[in-house]
Structures are given as C-alpha cells and as structure tokens.
C-alpha cells in the first residue's frame, strides 16, 4: 500500500465519520484541517481507529497520541503509512 492508497482510505473513512455526525459529506484533501466540531472527537477517533485497523489489518494502539495530535488529514496519513509500509 503506497501513500496515495492510504490517503484515499483515510479520506473515505474521515468523510464517512463526518457525514454520519453532521449529515453532510465534506470535501477532504491531504491539507484539510481536522475538525472536532465535525465529529472527529473522542468517539470519532475510536471509529476511525477501528475502521483503519479493519481496512489495513494494522494495530494502531501505539499511535493513539499521534493521531489525536494530528492537525490535518496528511498527518493522519503519515502515521498510518508509517505502520503499513
């Protein structure tokens, strides 16, 4: 899985979580700011972890702090790409 594949996966999962929480599908790119107001709060992070672990077959338990500190989608991609590459 290359970085572009990880980006596509993260964009889909993040968009699904936001859409479920606010009822509207956001336009998401590598530089999109992660917004807690859009539903990417503690529960959103858990949903994200589960979806990524299922999709990639990786364990993100050691990356929780990095994912919580992510400011843009690209930060999430970098953390996950580091686990799958």
N, C-alpha and C. Protein backbone atom coordinates (compact mmCIF):
# COMPACT_ATOMS: atom_id res chain seq x y z
N UNK A 1 0.85 -1.17 0.00
CA UNK A 1 0.00 0.00 0.00
C UNK A 1 0.90 1.24 0.00
N UNK A 2 0.74 2.09 -1.02
CA UNK A 2 1.55 3.30 -1.07
C UNK A 2 0.83 4.45 -0.37
N UNK A 3 1.48 5.61 -0.28
CA UNK A 3 0.91 6.74 0.46
C UNK A 3 -0.39 7.22 -0.16
N UNK A 4 -0.47 7.20 -1.48
CA UNK A 4 -1.71 7.63 -2.16
C UNK A 4 -2.87 6.72 -1.81
N UNK A 5 -2.62 5.42 -1.72
CA UNK A 5 -3.67 4.47 -1.31
C UNK A 5 -4.13 4.76 0.11
N UNK A 6 -3.17 5.04 0.99
CA UNK A 6 -3.51 5.36 2.38
C UNK A 6 -4.32 6.65 2.43
N UNK A 7 -3.93 7.65 1.65
CA UNK A 7 -4.67 8.92 1.61
C UNK A 7 -6.12 8.67 1.20
N UNK A 8 -6.33 7.91 0.14
CA UNK A 8 -7.69 7.63 -0.33
C UNK A 8 -8.52 6.94 0.76
N UNK A 9 -7.90 5.99 1.46
CA UNK A 9 -8.59 5.28 2.51
C UNK A 9 -8.95 6.21 3.67
N UNK A 10 -7.98 7.04 4.09
CA UNK A 10 -8.20 7.97 5.20
C UNK A 10 -9.28 8.98 4.83
N UNK A 11 -9.25 9.50 3.62
CA UNK A 11 -10.26 10.47 3.17
C UNK A 11 -11.65 9.84 3.23
N UNK A 12 -11.78 8.61 2.76
CA UNK A 12 -13.07 7.94 2.78
C UNK A 12 -13.56 7.73 4.21
N UNK A 13 -12.70 7.20 5.07
CA UNK A 13 -13.10 6.92 6.46
C UNK A 13 -13.44 8.21 7.20
N UNK A 14 -12.59 9.22 7.06
CA UNK A 14 -12.84 10.51 7.73
C UNK A 14 -14.15 11.12 7.22
N UNK A 15 -14.35 11.09 5.91
CA UNK A 15 -15.57 11.65 5.32
C UNK A 15 -16.81 10.91 5.82
N UNK A 16 -16.72 9.59 5.92
CA UNK A 16 -17.85 8.80 6.43
C UNK A 16 -18.20 9.20 7.86
N UNK A 17 -17.18 9.38 8.71
CA UNK A 17 -17.41 9.75 10.11
C UNK A 17 -18.05 11.13 10.19
N UNK A 18 -17.51 12.09 9.44
CA UNK A 18 -18.06 13.45 9.47
C UNK A 18 -19.49 13.45 8.94
N UNK A 19 -19.73 12.76 7.84
CA UNK A 19 -21.07 12.73 7.26
C UNK A 19 -22.08 12.13 8.25
N UNK A 20 -21.67 11.09 8.95
CA UNK A 20 -22.55 10.47 9.94
C UNK A 20 -22.89 11.44 11.07
N UNK A 21 -21.94 12.29 11.42
CA UNK A 21 -22.15 13.20 12.55
C UNK A 21 -22.85 14.50 12.18
N UNK A 22 -22.59 15.04 11.00
CA UNK A 22 -23.19 16.34 10.66
C UNK A 22 -24.19 16.25 9.51
N UNK A 23 -24.31 15.08 8.90
CA UNK A 23 -25.29 14.89 7.85
C UNK A 23 -24.90 15.45 6.50
N UNK A 24 -23.65 15.80 6.36
CA UNK A 24 -23.16 16.37 5.10
C UNK A 24 -21.77 15.82 4.83
N UNK A 25 -21.53 15.40 3.58
CA UNK A 25 -20.23 14.83 3.23
C UNK A 25 -19.26 15.97 2.89
N UNK A 26 -18.15 16.05 3.61
CA UNK A 26 -17.20 17.13 3.36
C UNK A 26 -16.29 16.83 2.17
N UNK A 27 -15.72 17.88 1.60
CA UNK A 27 -14.68 17.71 0.60
C UNK A 27 -13.37 17.65 1.37
N UNK A 28 -12.64 16.56 1.23
CA UNK A 28 -11.45 16.32 2.04
C UNK A 28 -10.24 16.10 1.13
N UNK A 29 -9.14 16.77 1.47
CA UNK A 29 -7.87 16.61 0.78
C UNK A 29 -6.77 16.36 1.81
N UNK A 30 -5.57 16.17 1.34
CA UNK A 30 -4.42 15.98 2.21
C UNK A 30 -4.25 17.14 3.20
N UNK A 31 -4.63 18.36 2.78
CA UNK A 31 -4.43 19.55 3.61
C UNK A 31 -5.65 19.98 4.41
N UNK A 32 -6.70 19.17 4.41
CA UNK A 32 -7.91 19.51 5.15
C UNK A 32 -7.63 19.49 6.64
N UNK A 33 -8.06 20.55 7.32
CA UNK A 33 -7.91 20.62 8.78
C UNK A 33 -8.88 19.64 9.43
N UNK A 34 -8.42 18.96 10.45
CA UNK A 34 -9.26 18.02 11.20
C UNK A 34 -10.06 18.84 12.20
N UNK A 35 -11.37 18.65 12.16
CA UNK A 35 -12.25 19.47 12.99
C UNK A 35 -13.01 18.62 13.99
N UNK A 36 -12.81 18.92 15.26
CA UNK A 36 -13.55 18.22 16.32
C UNK A 36 -15.04 18.56 16.22
N UNK A 37 -15.37 19.74 15.73
CA UNK A 37 -16.76 20.16 15.59
C UNK A 37 -17.50 19.34 14.54
N UNK A 38 -16.75 18.74 13.63
CA UNK A 38 -17.36 17.92 12.58
C UNK A 38 -17.54 16.47 13.01
N UNK A 39 -17.28 16.17 14.26
CA UNK A 39 -17.49 14.83 14.75
C UNK A 39 -16.23 14.02 14.92
N UNK A 40 -15.09 14.62 14.65
CA UNK A 40 -13.85 13.89 14.85
C UNK A 40 -13.35 14.18 16.26
N UNK A 41 -14.21 13.81 17.22
CA UNK A 41 -13.92 13.96 18.64
C UNK A 41 -13.43 12.61 19.16
N UNK A 42 -13.50 12.38 20.45
CA UNK A 42 -13.02 11.12 21.02
C UNK A 42 -13.70 9.91 20.41
N UNK A 43 -15.02 9.97 20.27
CA UNK A 43 -15.74 8.86 19.67
C UNK A 43 -15.40 8.71 18.19
N UNK A 44 -15.25 9.84 17.49
CA UNK A 44 -14.85 9.81 16.09
C UNK A 44 -13.49 9.18 15.91
N UNK A 45 -12.58 9.46 16.83
CA UNK A 45 -11.24 8.88 16.77
C UNK A 45 -11.31 7.36 16.94
N UNK A 46 -12.14 6.91 17.87
CA UNK A 46 -12.30 5.46 18.07
C UNK A 46 -12.86 4.82 16.81
N UNK A 47 -13.90 5.44 16.23
CA UNK A 47 -14.47 4.93 14.99
C UNK A 47 -13.40 4.87 13.89
N UNK A 48 -12.57 5.90 13.83
CA UNK A 48 -11.50 5.98 12.84
C UNK A 48 -10.51 4.82 13.03
N UNK A 49 -10.07 4.62 14.29
CA UNK A 49 -9.14 3.54 14.61
C UNK A 49 -9.67 2.20 14.14
N UNK A 50 -10.90 1.91 14.51
CA UNK A 50 -11.49 0.62 14.18
C UNK A 50 -11.56 0.44 12.67
N UNK A 51 -12.02 1.46 11.96
CA UNK A 51 -12.14 1.35 10.50
C UNK A 51 -10.78 1.15 9.83
N UNK A 52 -9.77 1.89 10.27
CA UNK A 52 -8.43 1.76 9.67
C UNK A 52 -7.84 0.39 9.99
N UNK A 53 -7.98 -0.04 11.23
CA UNK A 53 -7.44 -1.35 11.60
C UNK A 53 -8.09 -2.46 10.78
N UNK A 54 -9.40 -2.36 10.57
CA UNK A 54 -10.10 -3.37 9.77
C UNK A 54 -9.67 -3.30 8.31
N UNK A 55 -9.55 -2.10 7.78
CA UNK A 55 -9.20 -1.91 6.36
C UNK A 55 -7.76 -2.35 6.06
N UNK A 56 -6.83 -2.03 6.96
CA UNK A 56 -5.40 -2.27 6.70
C UNK A 56 -4.84 -3.48 7.41
N UNK A 57 -5.55 -3.96 8.41
CA UNK A 57 -5.02 -5.07 9.18
C UNK A 57 -3.82 -4.69 10.02
N UNK A 58 -3.80 -3.42 10.48
CA UNK A 58 -2.70 -2.96 11.33
C UNK A 58 -3.23 -2.60 12.71
N UNK A 59 -2.33 -2.61 13.69
CA UNK A 59 -2.68 -2.24 15.06
C UNK A 59 -2.19 -0.81 15.29
N UNK A 60 -3.11 0.08 15.57
CA UNK A 60 -2.76 1.49 15.78
C UNK A 60 -2.67 1.88 17.25
N UNK A 61 -2.75 0.91 18.14
CA UNK A 61 -2.76 1.20 19.58
C UNK A 61 -1.58 2.06 20.01
N UNK A 62 -0.41 1.84 19.44
CA UNK A 62 0.77 2.62 19.83
C UNK A 62 0.80 3.99 19.17
N UNK A 63 -0.18 4.27 18.31
CA UNK A 63 -0.21 5.54 17.58
C UNK A 63 -1.33 6.48 18.03
N UNK A 64 -2.00 6.14 19.11
CA UNK A 64 -3.14 6.93 19.56
C UNK A 64 -2.77 8.39 19.77
N UNK A 65 -1.68 8.65 20.47
CA UNK A 65 -1.27 10.03 20.76
C UNK A 65 -1.00 10.81 19.47
N UNK A 66 -0.33 10.17 18.52
CA UNK A 66 -0.03 10.84 17.25
C UNK A 66 -1.29 11.17 16.48
N UNK A 67 -2.25 10.28 16.50
CA UNK A 67 -3.50 10.52 15.77
C UNK A 67 -4.30 11.62 16.45
N UNK A 68 -4.32 11.64 17.76
CA UNK A 68 -5.04 12.70 18.48
C UNK A 68 -4.41 14.07 18.25
N UNK A 69 -3.12 14.11 18.00
CA UNK A 69 -2.43 15.38 17.80
C UNK A 69 -2.44 15.84 16.34
N UNK A 70 -2.95 15.02 15.45
CA UNK A 70 -2.98 15.36 14.04
C UNK A 70 -3.79 16.62 13.80
N UNK A 71 -3.27 17.50 12.97
CA UNK A 71 -3.93 18.77 12.66
C UNK A 71 -4.59 18.76 11.29
N UNK A 72 -4.01 18.00 10.36
CA UNK A 72 -4.57 17.89 9.01
C UNK A 72 -4.63 16.42 8.62
N UNK A 73 -5.39 16.14 7.58
CA UNK A 73 -5.53 14.77 7.09
C UNK A 73 -4.17 14.16 6.76
N UNK A 74 -3.29 14.94 6.19
CA UNK A 74 -1.95 14.45 5.85
C UNK A 74 -1.20 13.91 7.04
N UNK A 75 -1.43 14.49 8.23
CA UNK A 75 -0.80 13.97 9.45
C UNK A 75 -1.29 12.56 9.75
N UNK A 76 -2.60 12.34 9.60
CA UNK A 76 -3.16 11.00 9.81
C UNK A 76 -2.57 10.02 8.81
N UNK A 77 -2.47 10.45 7.57
CA UNK A 77 -1.93 9.60 6.51
C UNK A 77 -0.49 9.20 6.85
N UNK A 78 0.31 10.15 7.29
CA UNK A 78 1.71 9.86 7.62
C UNK A 78 1.83 8.82 8.73
N UNK A 79 0.99 8.94 9.76
CA UNK A 79 1.03 7.99 10.88
C UNK A 79 0.67 6.58 10.37
N UNK A 80 -0.39 6.50 9.61
CA UNK A 80 -0.87 5.19 9.14
C UNK A 80 0.10 4.62 8.10
N UNK A 81 0.59 5.45 7.20
CA UNK A 81 1.55 4.98 6.19
C UNK A 81 2.79 4.41 6.86
N UNK A 82 3.21 5.02 7.96
CA UNK A 82 4.36 4.51 8.70
C UNK A 82 4.11 3.11 9.26
N UNK A 83 2.86 2.76 9.49
CA UNK A 83 2.52 1.43 10.02
C UNK A 83 2.37 0.38 8.92
N UNK A 84 1.94 0.80 7.73
CA UNK A 84 1.69 -0.17 6.68
C UNK A 84 2.83 -0.34 5.70
N UNK A 85 3.79 0.56 5.74
CA UNK A 85 4.89 0.47 4.76
C UNK A 85 6.06 -0.33 5.30
